Amino acid sequence: MVVGPGTPEWPGDVPFSCGWTCTIAGGAAINLSAMTLSPHVGTHADAPLHVADGAPASDALPLDAFLGACEVVDVTGLDGELSYDALAARGARAGATRLLLRTGRTIADGAFPDAWPWLAPDCVARLAAEGLRLLGVDAPSVDARESKTLATHHALFGAGAYNLENLDLRGVAPGRYELVAPPLRVAGLDGAPVRALLREG
């Protein structure tokens, strides 16, 4: 996801902004920029700290969860809470280590979506029991927009799995890929920006 002025942030969160500390045009030897943003603007990984005080922060996110074989499943057109069987009906295979869901409800279109589908906590538990380490979505959250309990986040982190949010999967066909998406190693935050890449293998 390109991050810049106008990238939709979660309503009420800190948007992206950029300024200049010094410029060549202003007489300096270099151009030097500075930016302000929430770590949840654009493509990012949440840390367990996002949903639980005292939980591991962004610098403790394990690289192995974000690197390796993955499966993209198209759930476009589905709404609400998704079951294990609903995923299987869309071609998700048992035992996937990294699962990316293309919901079609993405900020990549330039606006914050009103709603999107999400996985039921018992679906997450079953996927994790089969080996899931990472759930990625093109939507702004792995939970429902209006969720206050964030049960899907808790189910993932409780099972030792992690998440990616705000992926741009618009041009990606369902299938198997190699994911390269290490979170930026910033200390003490509840999330970290990611530049996510898929390679056909």
N, C-alpha and C. Protein backbone atom coordinates (compact mmCIF):
# COMPACT_ATOMS: atom_id res chain seq x y z
N MET A 1 0.85 -1.19 0.00
CA MET A 1 0.00 0.00 0.00
C MET A 1 0.89 1.25 0.00
N VAL A 2 0.63 2.15 -0.93
CA VAL A 2 1.36 3.42 -0.91
C VAL A 2 0.87 4.24 0.27
N VAL A 3 1.81 4.77 1.05
CA VAL A 3 1.46 5.63 2.19
C VAL A 3 1.87 7.06 1.86
N GLY A 4 0.92 7.96 1.95
CA GLY A 4 1.20 9.35 1.67
C GLY A 4 0.03 10.21 2.09
N PRO A 5 0.09 11.50 1.81
CA PRO A 5 -1.05 12.37 2.12
C PRO A 5 -2.31 11.83 1.46
N GLY A 6 -3.37 11.69 2.23
CA GLY A 6 -4.62 11.18 1.69
C GLY A 6 -4.82 9.69 1.87
N THR A 7 -3.79 8.94 2.30
CA THR A 7 -4.01 7.52 2.61
C THR A 7 -5.02 7.44 3.75
N PRO A 8 -6.15 6.75 3.54
CA PRO A 8 -7.17 6.74 4.60
C PRO A 8 -6.67 6.07 5.87
N GLU A 9 -6.82 6.75 6.98
CA GLU A 9 -6.48 6.19 8.29
C GLU A 9 -7.75 5.70 8.96
N TRP A 10 -7.59 4.85 9.98
CA TRP A 10 -8.76 4.46 10.78
C TRP A 10 -9.37 5.73 11.35
N PRO A 11 -10.69 5.89 11.26
CA PRO A 11 -11.31 7.12 11.77
C PRO A 11 -10.88 7.44 13.20
N GLY A 12 -10.30 8.62 13.39
CA GLY A 12 -9.83 9.05 14.69
C GLY A 12 -8.36 8.80 14.93
N ASP A 13 -7.71 8.00 14.06
CA ASP A 13 -6.28 7.72 14.22
C ASP A 13 -5.47 8.86 13.61
N VAL A 14 -4.16 8.85 13.84
CA VAL A 14 -3.26 9.89 13.35
C VAL A 14 -2.95 9.63 11.87
N PRO A 15 -3.28 10.54 10.98
CA PRO A 15 -3.02 10.33 9.55
C PRO A 15 -1.55 10.57 9.21
N PHE A 16 -1.18 10.21 8.00
CA PHE A 16 0.16 10.50 7.50
C PHE A 16 0.30 11.99 7.23
N SER A 17 1.43 12.56 7.65
CA SER A 17 1.79 13.92 7.25
C SER A 17 3.31 13.98 7.11
N CYS A 18 3.77 14.88 6.26
CA CYS A 18 5.20 15.00 5.98
C CYS A 18 5.58 16.47 5.94
N GLY A 19 6.73 16.78 6.48
CA GLY A 19 7.27 18.13 6.42
C GLY A 19 8.75 18.08 6.12
N TRP A 20 9.36 19.24 6.05
CA TRP A 20 10.78 19.32 5.71
C TRP A 20 11.56 20.02 6.82
N THR A 21 12.58 19.35 7.33
CA THR A 21 13.47 19.94 8.34
C THR A 21 14.39 20.96 7.70
N CYS A 22 14.88 20.62 6.51
CA CYS A 22 15.68 21.58 5.74
C CYS A 22 15.60 21.19 4.26
N THR A 23 15.89 22.16 3.40
CA THR A 23 15.80 21.92 1.96
C THR A 23 16.99 22.55 1.24
N ILE A 24 17.34 21.96 0.10
CA ILE A 24 18.38 22.54 -0.74
C ILE A 24 17.94 23.91 -1.25
N ALA A 25 16.64 24.00 -1.60
CA ALA A 25 16.12 25.28 -2.08
C ALA A 25 16.21 26.36 -1.02
N GLY A 26 16.20 25.96 0.25
CA GLY A 26 16.29 26.92 1.34
C GLY A 26 17.72 27.21 1.77
N GLY A 27 18.69 26.64 1.05
CA GLY A 27 20.09 26.95 1.34
C GLY A 27 20.85 25.83 2.04
N ALA A 28 20.20 24.73 2.37
CA ALA A 28 20.89 23.62 3.04
C ALA A 28 21.61 22.76 2.00
N ALA A 29 22.51 21.92 2.49
CA ALA A 29 23.26 21.03 1.60
C ALA A 29 22.42 19.83 1.17
N ILE A 30 21.37 19.55 1.91
CA ILE A 30 20.54 18.36 1.64
C ILE A 30 19.07 18.69 1.83
N ASN A 31 18.21 17.83 1.28
CA ASN A 31 16.80 17.81 1.64
C ASN A 31 16.62 16.79 2.76
N LEU A 32 15.93 17.19 3.82
CA LEU A 32 15.73 16.31 4.97
C LEU A 32 14.27 16.38 5.39
N SER A 33 13.59 15.25 5.27
CA SER A 33 12.15 15.22 5.55
C SER A 33 11.87 14.61 6.92
N ALA A 34 10.66 14.81 7.38
CA ALA A 34 10.18 14.20 8.63
C ALA A 34 8.73 13.84 8.42
N MET A 35 8.31 12.70 9.02
CA MET A 35 6.92 12.28 8.85
C MET A 35 6.31 11.91 10.19
N THR A 36 4.99 12.04 10.25
CA THR A 36 4.20 11.66 11.41
C THR A 36 3.07 10.77 10.92
N LEU A 37 2.85 9.66 11.61
CA LEU A 37 1.74 8.77 11.25
C LEU A 37 1.56 7.73 12.33
N SER A 38 0.36 7.19 12.41
CA SER A 38 0.11 6.01 13.22
C SER A 38 0.75 4.82 12.53
N PRO A 39 1.26 3.82 13.27
CA PRO A 39 1.81 2.63 12.62
C PRO A 39 0.74 1.79 11.93
N HIS A 40 -0.53 2.17 12.10
CA HIS A 40 -1.63 1.43 11.47
C HIS A 40 -2.10 2.05 10.16
N VAL A 41 -1.43 3.12 9.71
CA VAL A 41 -1.75 3.71 8.41
C VAL A 41 -1.05 2.87 7.33
N GLY A 42 -1.80 2.47 6.31
CA GLY A 42 -1.22 1.65 5.27
C GLY A 42 -1.03 0.21 5.73
N THR A 43 -0.25 -0.55 4.97
CA THR A 43 -0.01 -1.95 5.28
C THR A 43 0.82 -2.06 6.55
N HIS A 44 0.37 -2.92 7.47
CA HIS A 44 1.05 -3.01 8.76
C HIS A 44 0.78 -4.35 9.44
N ALA A 45 1.61 -4.64 10.42
CA ALA A 45 1.40 -5.77 11.31
C ALA A 45 1.03 -5.23 12.69
N ASP A 46 0.04 -5.83 13.31
CA ASP A 46 -0.27 -5.49 14.70
C ASP A 46 0.63 -6.30 15.62
N ALA A 47 1.02 -5.70 16.73
CA ALA A 47 1.70 -6.44 17.79
C ALA A 47 0.66 -6.83 18.85
N PRO A 48 0.91 -7.87 19.62
CA PRO A 48 -0.03 -8.24 20.69
C PRO A 48 -0.33 -7.08 21.63
N LEU A 49 0.61 -6.15 21.80
CA LEU A 49 0.38 -4.97 22.64
C LEU A 49 -0.83 -4.16 22.18
N HIS A 50 -1.18 -4.29 20.92
CA HIS A 50 -2.32 -3.55 20.37
C HIS A 50 -3.62 -3.85 21.12
N VAL A 51 -3.75 -5.07 21.62
CA VAL A 51 -5.00 -5.48 22.25
C VAL A 51 -4.85 -5.92 23.70
N ALA A 52 -3.62 -5.85 24.26
CA ALA A 52 -3.42 -6.30 25.64
C ALA A 52 -2.26 -5.57 26.28
N ASP A 53 -2.51 -4.88 27.39
CA ASP A 53 -1.44 -4.23 28.14
C ASP A 53 -0.42 -5.25 28.59
N GLY A 54 0.86 -4.89 28.47
CA GLY A 54 1.93 -5.76 28.91
C GLY A 54 2.31 -6.85 27.93
N ALA A 55 1.60 -6.95 26.81
CA ALA A 55 1.91 -7.96 25.79
C ALA A 55 3.11 -7.50 24.96
N PRO A 56 3.72 -8.42 24.19
CA PRO A 56 4.88 -8.05 23.38
C PRO A 56 4.58 -6.93 22.39
N ALA A 57 5.57 -6.07 22.21
CA ALA A 57 5.43 -4.90 21.33
C ALA A 57 5.99 -5.20 19.94
N SER A 58 6.04 -4.17 19.12
CA SER A 58 6.38 -4.31 17.70
C SER A 58 7.76 -4.90 17.47
N ASP A 59 8.73 -4.59 18.31
CA ASP A 59 10.08 -5.09 18.09
C ASP A 59 10.22 -6.58 18.40
N ALA A 60 9.17 -7.19 18.99
CA ALA A 60 9.20 -8.62 19.30
C ALA A 60 8.47 -9.46 18.24
N LEU A 61 7.94 -8.83 17.19
CA LEU A 61 7.26 -9.59 16.15
C LEU A 61 8.25 -10.54 15.48
N PRO A 62 7.95 -11.84 15.38
CA PRO A 62 8.91 -12.81 14.85
C PRO A 62 8.95 -12.80 13.32
N LEU A 63 10.13 -12.71 12.76
CA LEU A 63 10.27 -12.62 11.31
C LEU A 63 9.71 -13.84 10.60
N ASP A 64 9.85 -15.03 11.18
CA ASP A 64 9.47 -16.24 10.46
C ASP A 64 7.98 -16.28 10.13
N ALA A 65 7.15 -15.61 10.92
CA ALA A 65 5.72 -15.59 10.63
C ALA A 65 5.41 -14.82 9.35
N PHE A 66 6.27 -13.89 8.99
CA PHE A 66 6.01 -12.97 7.89
C PHE A 66 6.79 -13.30 6.62
N LEU A 67 7.49 -14.41 6.63
CA LEU A 67 8.32 -14.82 5.49
C LEU A 67 8.04 -16.27 5.14
N GLY A 68 7.67 -16.54 3.89
CA GLY A 68 7.52 -17.92 3.47
C GLY A 68 6.28 -18.16 2.64
N ALA A 69 5.99 -19.43 2.43
CA ALA A 69 4.87 -19.83 1.59
C ALA A 69 3.55 -19.31 2.15
N CYS A 70 2.67 -18.85 1.25
CA CYS A 70 1.37 -18.36 1.68
C CYS A 70 0.33 -18.72 0.63
N GLU A 71 -0.92 -18.56 1.03
CA GLU A 71 -2.04 -18.85 0.14
C GLU A 71 -2.98 -17.65 0.13
N VAL A 72 -3.36 -17.19 -1.07
CA VAL A 72 -4.32 -16.10 -1.23
C VAL A 72 -5.68 -16.72 -1.55
N VAL A 73 -6.69 -16.36 -0.77
CA VAL A 73 -8.05 -16.87 -0.96
C VAL A 73 -8.97 -15.68 -1.20
N ASP A 74 -9.79 -15.77 -2.24
CA ASP A 74 -10.71 -14.69 -2.59
C ASP A 74 -12.05 -14.90 -1.88
N VAL A 75 -12.39 -13.99 -0.97
CA VAL A 75 -13.67 -14.05 -0.27
C VAL A 75 -14.55 -12.85 -0.66
N THR A 76 -14.23 -12.25 -1.82
CA THR A 76 -15.02 -11.13 -2.32
C THR A 76 -16.50 -11.52 -2.42
N GLY A 77 -17.34 -10.63 -1.96
CA GLY A 77 -18.78 -10.88 -2.02
C GLY A 77 -19.35 -11.48 -0.76
N LEU A 78 -18.49 -11.99 0.12
CA LEU A 78 -18.96 -12.51 1.40
C LEU A 78 -19.02 -11.38 2.42
N ASP A 79 -19.93 -11.49 3.38
CA ASP A 79 -20.09 -10.48 4.41
C ASP A 79 -20.20 -11.12 5.78
N GLY A 80 -19.91 -10.34 6.81
CA GLY A 80 -20.07 -10.81 8.17
C GLY A 80 -18.99 -11.79 8.59
N GLU A 81 -19.31 -12.56 9.62
CA GLU A 81 -18.37 -13.51 10.20
C GLU A 81 -18.26 -14.75 9.32
N LEU A 82 -17.03 -15.14 9.00
CA LEU A 82 -16.79 -16.27 8.12
C LEU A 82 -16.38 -17.50 8.92
N SER A 83 -16.95 -18.62 8.57
CA SER A 83 -16.65 -19.88 9.22
C SER A 83 -15.51 -20.61 8.49
N TYR A 84 -15.02 -21.65 9.11
CA TYR A 84 -14.01 -22.52 8.49
C TYR A 84 -14.55 -23.11 7.19
N ASP A 85 -15.80 -23.54 7.22
CA ASP A 85 -16.40 -24.14 6.02
C ASP A 85 -16.56 -23.13 4.89
N ALA A 86 -16.85 -21.87 5.24
CA ALA A 86 -16.97 -20.83 4.22
C ALA A 86 -15.63 -20.61 3.53
N LEU A 87 -14.54 -20.64 4.28
CA LEU A 87 -13.21 -20.52 3.68
C LEU A 87 -12.90 -21.70 2.79
N ALA A 88 -13.22 -22.90 3.28
CA ALA A 88 -12.96 -24.11 2.50
C ALA A 88 -13.72 -24.07 1.18
N ALA A 89 -14.93 -23.54 1.22
CA ALA A 89 -15.75 -23.45 0.01
C ALA A 89 -15.14 -22.49 -1.01
N ARG A 90 -14.30 -21.56 -0.55
CA ARG A 90 -13.62 -20.63 -1.44
C ARG A 90 -12.22 -21.12 -1.83
N GLY A 91 -11.89 -22.35 -1.44
CA GLY A 91 -10.63 -22.94 -1.89
C GLY A 91 -9.51 -22.94 -0.88
N ALA A 92 -9.75 -22.46 0.35
CA ALA A 92 -8.70 -22.50 1.36
C ALA A 92 -8.37 -23.95 1.69
N ARG A 93 -7.09 -24.26 1.76
CA ARG A 93 -6.69 -25.63 2.05
C ARG A 93 -6.29 -25.75 3.51
N ALA A 94 -6.51 -26.92 4.05
CA ALA A 94 -6.13 -27.19 5.44
C ALA A 94 -4.60 -27.16 5.55
N GLY A 95 -4.14 -26.63 6.67
CA GLY A 95 -2.70 -26.65 6.96
C GLY A 95 -1.91 -25.49 6.42
N ALA A 96 -2.55 -24.44 5.90
CA ALA A 96 -1.81 -23.28 5.40
C ALA A 96 -1.11 -22.57 6.55
N THR A 97 0.15 -22.21 6.34
CA THR A 97 0.92 -21.51 7.38
C THR A 97 0.61 -20.02 7.36
N ARG A 98 0.42 -19.48 6.16
CA ARG A 98 0.11 -18.05 5.99
C ARG A 98 -1.06 -17.94 5.03
N LEU A 99 -2.10 -17.25 5.47
CA LEU A 99 -3.34 -17.13 4.71
C LEU A 99 -3.65 -15.66 4.49
N LEU A 100 -3.81 -15.26 3.23
CA LEU A 100 -4.16 -13.88 2.89
C LEU A 100 -5.54 -13.87 2.27
N LEU A 101 -6.43 -13.02 2.81
CA LEU A 101 -7.81 -12.95 2.34
C LEU A 101 -8.03 -11.69 1.52
N ARG A 102 -8.50 -11.90 0.30
CA ARG A 102 -8.87 -10.77 -0.55
C ARG A 102 -10.37 -10.54 -0.39
N THR A 103 -10.72 -9.49 0.36
CA THR A 103 -12.13 -9.20 0.64
C THR A 103 -12.74 -8.23 -0.36
N GLY A 104 -11.89 -7.45 -1.04
CA GLY A 104 -12.39 -6.41 -1.93
C GLY A 104 -12.82 -5.15 -1.22
N ARG A 105 -12.67 -5.12 0.11
CA ARG A 105 -13.00 -3.92 0.90
C ARG A 105 -11.68 -3.32 1.40
N THR A 106 -11.11 -2.44 0.60
CA THR A 106 -9.74 -1.99 0.83
C THR A 106 -9.63 -0.48 0.74
N ILE A 107 -8.72 0.09 1.55
CA ILE A 107 -8.45 1.52 1.47
C ILE A 107 -7.66 1.87 0.22
N ALA A 108 -7.15 0.85 -0.49
CA ALA A 108 -6.40 1.11 -1.72
C ALA A 108 -7.27 1.80 -2.77
N ASP A 109 -8.59 1.70 -2.61
CA ASP A 109 -9.50 2.38 -3.53
C ASP A 109 -9.69 3.86 -3.16
N GLY A 110 -9.07 4.31 -2.06
CA GLY A 110 -9.07 5.72 -1.71
C GLY A 110 -10.07 6.15 -0.66
N ALA A 111 -10.86 5.21 -0.14
CA ALA A 111 -11.84 5.53 0.90
C ALA A 111 -11.84 4.44 1.95
N PHE A 112 -12.24 4.80 3.15
CA PHE A 112 -12.30 3.83 4.23
C PHE A 112 -13.61 3.04 4.10
N PRO A 113 -13.56 1.71 3.99
CA PRO A 113 -14.79 0.94 3.77
C PRO A 113 -15.70 0.93 4.99
N ASP A 114 -17.00 0.78 4.73
CA ASP A 114 -17.98 0.75 5.81
C ASP A 114 -17.99 -0.57 6.56
N ALA A 115 -17.68 -1.66 5.86
CA ALA A 115 -17.73 -3.00 6.47
C ALA A 115 -16.90 -3.95 5.63
N TRP A 116 -16.59 -5.10 6.22
CA TRP A 116 -15.83 -6.14 5.52
C TRP A 116 -16.05 -7.46 6.27
N PRO A 117 -15.77 -8.59 5.63
CA PRO A 117 -15.90 -9.87 6.33
C PRO A 117 -14.70 -10.14 7.24
N TRP A 118 -14.89 -10.99 8.22
CA TRP A 118 -13.82 -11.35 9.16
C TRP A 118 -13.99 -12.80 9.56
N LEU A 119 -12.93 -13.41 10.09
CA LEU A 119 -12.97 -14.81 10.49
C LEU A 119 -13.53 -14.96 11.89
N ALA A 120 -14.40 -15.94 12.08
CA ALA A 120 -14.89 -16.28 13.41
C ALA A 120 -13.73 -16.77 14.26
N PRO A 121 -13.73 -16.46 15.56
CA PRO A 121 -12.64 -16.92 16.44
C PRO A 121 -12.44 -18.43 16.42
N ASP A 122 -13.53 -19.21 16.33
CA ASP A 122 -13.35 -20.67 16.30
C ASP A 122 -12.73 -21.11 14.98
N CYS A 123 -12.95 -20.36 13.91
CA CYS A 123 -12.27 -20.62 12.64
C CYS A 123 -10.78 -20.37 12.79
N VAL A 124 -10.42 -19.27 13.43
CA VAL A 124 -9.00 -18.95 13.67
C VAL A 124 -8.37 -20.05 14.52
N ALA A 125 -9.06 -20.50 15.56
CA ALA A 125 -8.52 -21.54 16.43
C ALA A 125 -8.26 -22.82 15.64
N ARG A 126 -9.18 -23.18 14.76
CA ARG A 126 -8.99 -24.40 13.96
C ARG A 126 -7.84 -24.24 12.97
N LEU A 127 -7.75 -23.09 12.32
CA LEU A 127 -6.65 -22.83 11.41
C LEU A 127 -5.30 -22.87 12.14
N ALA A 128 -5.27 -22.27 13.34
CA ALA A 128 -4.03 -22.26 14.12
C ALA A 128 -3.64 -23.67 14.55
N ALA A 129 -4.62 -24.48 14.89
CA ALA A 129 -4.34 -25.88 15.26
C ALA A 129 -3.76 -26.66 14.09
N GLU A 130 -4.08 -26.22 12.88
CA GLU A 130 -3.56 -26.85 11.66
C GLU A 130 -2.22 -26.25 11.23
N GLY A 131 -1.75 -25.21 11.94
CA GLY A 131 -0.44 -24.66 11.64
C GLY A 131 -0.40 -23.21 11.20
N LEU A 132 -1.53 -22.50 11.21
CA LEU A 132 -1.54 -21.10 10.78
C LEU A 132 -0.66 -20.25 11.68
N ARG A 133 0.24 -19.46 11.05
CA ARG A 133 1.09 -18.52 11.79
C ARG A 133 0.75 -17.07 11.47
N LEU A 134 0.07 -16.85 10.31
CA LEU A 134 -0.19 -15.47 9.89
C LEU A 134 -1.50 -15.40 9.11
N LEU A 135 -2.33 -14.42 9.48
CA LEU A 135 -3.53 -14.10 8.72
C LEU A 135 -3.37 -12.68 8.19
N GLY A 136 -3.48 -12.53 6.87
CA GLY A 136 -3.41 -11.21 6.25
C GLY A 136 -4.72 -10.88 5.57
N VAL A 137 -5.08 -9.60 5.58
CA VAL A 137 -6.32 -9.16 4.94
C VAL A 137 -6.06 -7.85 4.20
N ASP A 138 -6.85 -7.63 3.13
CA ASP A 138 -6.77 -6.35 2.44
C ASP A 138 -7.66 -5.31 3.09
N ALA A 139 -8.47 -5.70 4.05
CA ALA A 139 -9.34 -4.80 4.81
C ALA A 139 -8.54 -4.09 5.90
N PRO A 140 -9.11 -3.07 6.53
CA PRO A 140 -8.39 -2.34 7.58
C PRO A 140 -8.16 -3.13 8.86
N SER A 141 -8.90 -4.24 9.08
CA SER A 141 -8.75 -5.00 10.31
C SER A 141 -9.12 -6.45 10.08
N VAL A 142 -8.56 -7.35 10.90
CA VAL A 142 -8.98 -8.75 10.88
C VAL A 142 -10.28 -8.93 11.66
N ASP A 143 -10.71 -7.92 12.40
CA ASP A 143 -11.98 -7.93 13.11
C ASP A 143 -13.00 -7.05 12.38
N ALA A 144 -14.25 -7.16 12.78
CA ALA A 144 -15.29 -6.29 12.24
C ALA A 144 -14.99 -4.83 12.58
N ARG A 145 -15.44 -3.93 11.73
CA ARG A 145 -15.18 -2.50 11.95
C ARG A 145 -15.66 -2.03 13.31
N GLU A 146 -16.83 -2.46 13.73
CA GLU A 146 -17.42 -1.97 14.97
C GLU A 146 -17.08 -2.83 16.19
N SER A 147 -16.21 -3.83 16.05
CA SER A 147 -15.90 -4.72 17.16
C SER A 147 -15.22 -3.98 18.31
N LYS A 148 -15.66 -4.26 19.52
CA LYS A 148 -15.02 -3.73 20.72
C LYS A 148 -14.24 -4.82 21.45
N THR A 149 -14.56 -6.08 21.19
CA THR A 149 -13.88 -7.19 21.86
C THR A 149 -12.64 -7.64 21.10
N LEU A 150 -12.58 -7.38 19.80
CA LEU A 150 -11.45 -7.75 18.95
C LEU A 150 -11.10 -9.24 19.12
N ALA A 151 -12.16 -10.05 19.04
CA ALA A 151 -12.01 -11.49 19.31
C ALA A 151 -11.09 -12.19 18.32
N THR A 152 -11.07 -11.74 17.07
CA THR A 152 -10.20 -12.39 16.09
C THR A 152 -8.73 -12.06 16.37
N HIS A 153 -8.44 -10.81 16.73
CA HIS A 153 -7.08 -10.47 17.16
C HIS A 153 -6.66 -11.36 18.33
N HIS A 154 -7.51 -11.44 19.34
CA HIS A 154 -7.16 -12.23 20.53
C HIS A 154 -6.97 -13.70 20.19
N ALA A 155 -7.81 -14.22 19.30
CA ALA A 155 -7.68 -15.62 18.91
C ALA A 155 -6.35 -15.87 18.20
N LEU A 156 -5.95 -14.95 17.34
CA LEU A 156 -4.67 -15.09 16.65
C LEU A 156 -3.50 -15.05 17.63
N PHE A 157 -3.44 -13.97 18.41
CA PHE A 157 -2.31 -13.81 19.31
C PHE A 157 -2.28 -14.91 20.37
N GLY A 158 -3.46 -15.33 20.84
CA GLY A 158 -3.53 -16.39 21.84
C GLY A 158 -3.01 -17.72 21.32
N ALA A 159 -3.07 -17.91 19.99
CA ALA A 159 -2.60 -19.15 19.37
C ALA A 159 -1.16 -19.03 18.86
N GLY A 160 -0.52 -17.88 19.12
CA GLY A 160 0.84 -17.69 18.64
C GLY A 160 0.92 -17.33 17.17
N ALA A 161 -0.17 -16.78 16.63
CA ALA A 161 -0.21 -16.34 15.23
C ALA A 161 -0.27 -14.82 15.19
N TYR A 162 -0.07 -14.27 13.99
CA TYR A 162 0.04 -12.81 13.83
C TYR A 162 -0.83 -12.36 12.66
N ASN A 163 -0.81 -11.06 12.38
CA ASN A 163 -1.68 -10.57 11.31
C ASN A 163 -1.00 -9.49 10.48
N LEU A 164 -1.51 -9.33 9.28
CA LEU A 164 -1.22 -8.20 8.40
C LEU A 164 -2.54 -7.57 8.02
N GLU A 165 -2.59 -6.25 7.99
CA GLU A 165 -3.81 -5.53 7.62
C GLU A 165 -3.49 -4.49 6.55
N ASN A 166 -4.53 -4.13 5.78
CA ASN A 166 -4.39 -3.14 4.70
C ASN A 166 -3.43 -3.59 3.60
N LEU A 167 -3.47 -4.88 3.26
CA LEU A 167 -2.73 -5.34 2.09
C LEU A 167 -3.41 -4.82 0.83
N ASP A 168 -2.66 -4.72 -0.26
CA ASP A 168 -3.24 -4.38 -1.55
C ASP A 168 -3.21 -5.63 -2.41
N LEU A 169 -4.35 -6.33 -2.47
CA LEU A 169 -4.45 -7.58 -3.22
C LEU A 169 -5.30 -7.44 -4.47
N ARG A 170 -5.52 -6.22 -4.93
CA ARG A 170 -6.44 -5.99 -6.05
C ARG A 170 -6.03 -6.73 -7.32
N GLY A 171 -4.73 -6.84 -7.57
CA GLY A 171 -4.28 -7.49 -8.79
C GLY A 171 -3.77 -8.90 -8.58
N VAL A 172 -4.08 -9.49 -7.44
CA VAL A 172 -3.52 -10.79 -7.09
C VAL A 172 -4.57 -11.88 -7.26
N ALA A 173 -4.25 -12.88 -8.05
CA ALA A 173 -5.15 -14.02 -8.25
C ALA A 173 -5.04 -14.98 -7.08
N PRO A 174 -6.12 -15.69 -6.75
CA PRO A 174 -6.03 -16.72 -5.71
C PRO A 174 -4.96 -17.75 -6.07
N GLY A 175 -4.31 -18.27 -5.05
CA GLY A 175 -3.28 -19.28 -5.30
C GLY A 175 -2.18 -19.22 -4.28
N ARG A 176 -1.11 -19.94 -4.56
CA ARG A 176 0.02 -20.05 -3.64
C ARG A 176 1.16 -19.16 -4.10
N TYR A 177 1.78 -18.49 -3.13
CA TYR A 177 2.86 -17.56 -3.39
C TYR A 177 3.90 -17.68 -2.28
N GLU A 178 4.98 -16.92 -2.46
CA GLU A 178 5.94 -16.70 -1.37
C GLU A 178 5.73 -15.28 -0.87
N LEU A 179 5.54 -15.13 0.43
CA LEU A 179 5.33 -13.83 1.06
C LEU A 179 6.63 -13.33 1.67
N VAL A 180 6.94 -12.07 1.40
CA VAL A 180 8.07 -11.38 2.03
C VAL A 180 7.51 -10.11 2.64
N ALA A 181 7.31 -10.08 3.96
CA ALA A 181 6.62 -8.95 4.59
C ALA A 181 7.13 -8.68 6.00
N PRO A 182 8.45 -8.48 6.17
CA PRO A 182 8.95 -8.24 7.53
C PRO A 182 8.49 -6.88 8.07
N PRO A 183 8.00 -6.86 9.31
CA PRO A 183 7.64 -5.57 9.92
C PRO A 183 8.88 -4.73 10.20
N LEU A 184 8.73 -3.42 10.08
CA LEU A 184 9.81 -2.50 10.44
C LEU A 184 10.14 -2.70 11.91
N ARG A 185 11.42 -2.78 12.25
CA ARG A 185 11.81 -3.07 13.63
C ARG A 185 11.88 -1.77 14.44
N VAL A 186 10.73 -1.35 14.90
CA VAL A 186 10.62 -0.17 15.76
C VAL A 186 10.24 -0.65 17.16
N ALA A 187 10.80 -0.03 18.17
CA ALA A 187 10.65 -0.53 19.53
C ALA A 187 9.43 0.04 20.23
N GLY A 188 8.73 -0.83 20.97
CA GLY A 188 7.73 -0.41 21.93
C GLY A 188 6.39 0.03 21.39
N LEU A 189 6.11 -0.19 20.09
CA LEU A 189 4.85 0.25 19.52
C LEU A 189 3.84 -0.90 19.49
N ASP A 190 2.58 -0.55 19.19
CA ASP A 190 1.53 -1.57 19.12
C ASP A 190 1.35 -2.11 17.70
N GLY A 191 2.17 -1.64 16.77
CA GLY A 191 2.12 -2.11 15.40
C GLY A 191 3.34 -1.60 14.66
N ALA A 192 3.54 -2.13 13.44
CA ALA A 192 4.71 -1.72 12.66
C ALA A 192 4.37 -1.70 11.18
N PRO A 193 4.83 -0.66 10.46
CA PRO A 193 4.63 -0.63 9.00
C PRO A 193 5.32 -1.80 8.32
N VAL A 194 4.76 -2.21 7.19
CA VAL A 194 5.26 -3.36 6.42
C VAL A 194 5.24 -3.00 4.94
N ARG A 195 6.25 -3.41 4.20
CA ARG A 195 6.15 -3.42 2.74
C ARG A 195 6.03 -4.89 2.33
N ALA A 196 4.84 -5.29 1.95
CA ALA A 196 4.55 -6.69 1.68
C ALA A 196 4.71 -7.00 0.20
N LEU A 197 5.41 -8.08 -0.10
CA LEU A 197 5.64 -8.52 -1.46
C LEU A 197 5.21 -9.96 -1.62
N LEU A 198 4.62 -10.28 -2.76
CA LEU A 198 4.30 -11.66 -3.11
C LEU A 198 5.15 -12.05 -4.32
N ARG A 199 5.74 -13.25 -4.26
CA ARG A 199 6.49 -13.77 -5.40
C ARG A 199 5.88 -15.08 -5.83
N GLU A 200 5.70 -15.24 -7.13
CA GLU A 200 5.21 -16.50 -7.64
C GLU A 200 6.35 -17.52 -7.60
N GLY A 201 6.01 -18.73 -7.17
CA GLY A 201 7.07 -19.71 -7.04
C GLY A 201 6.71 -21.03 -7.69
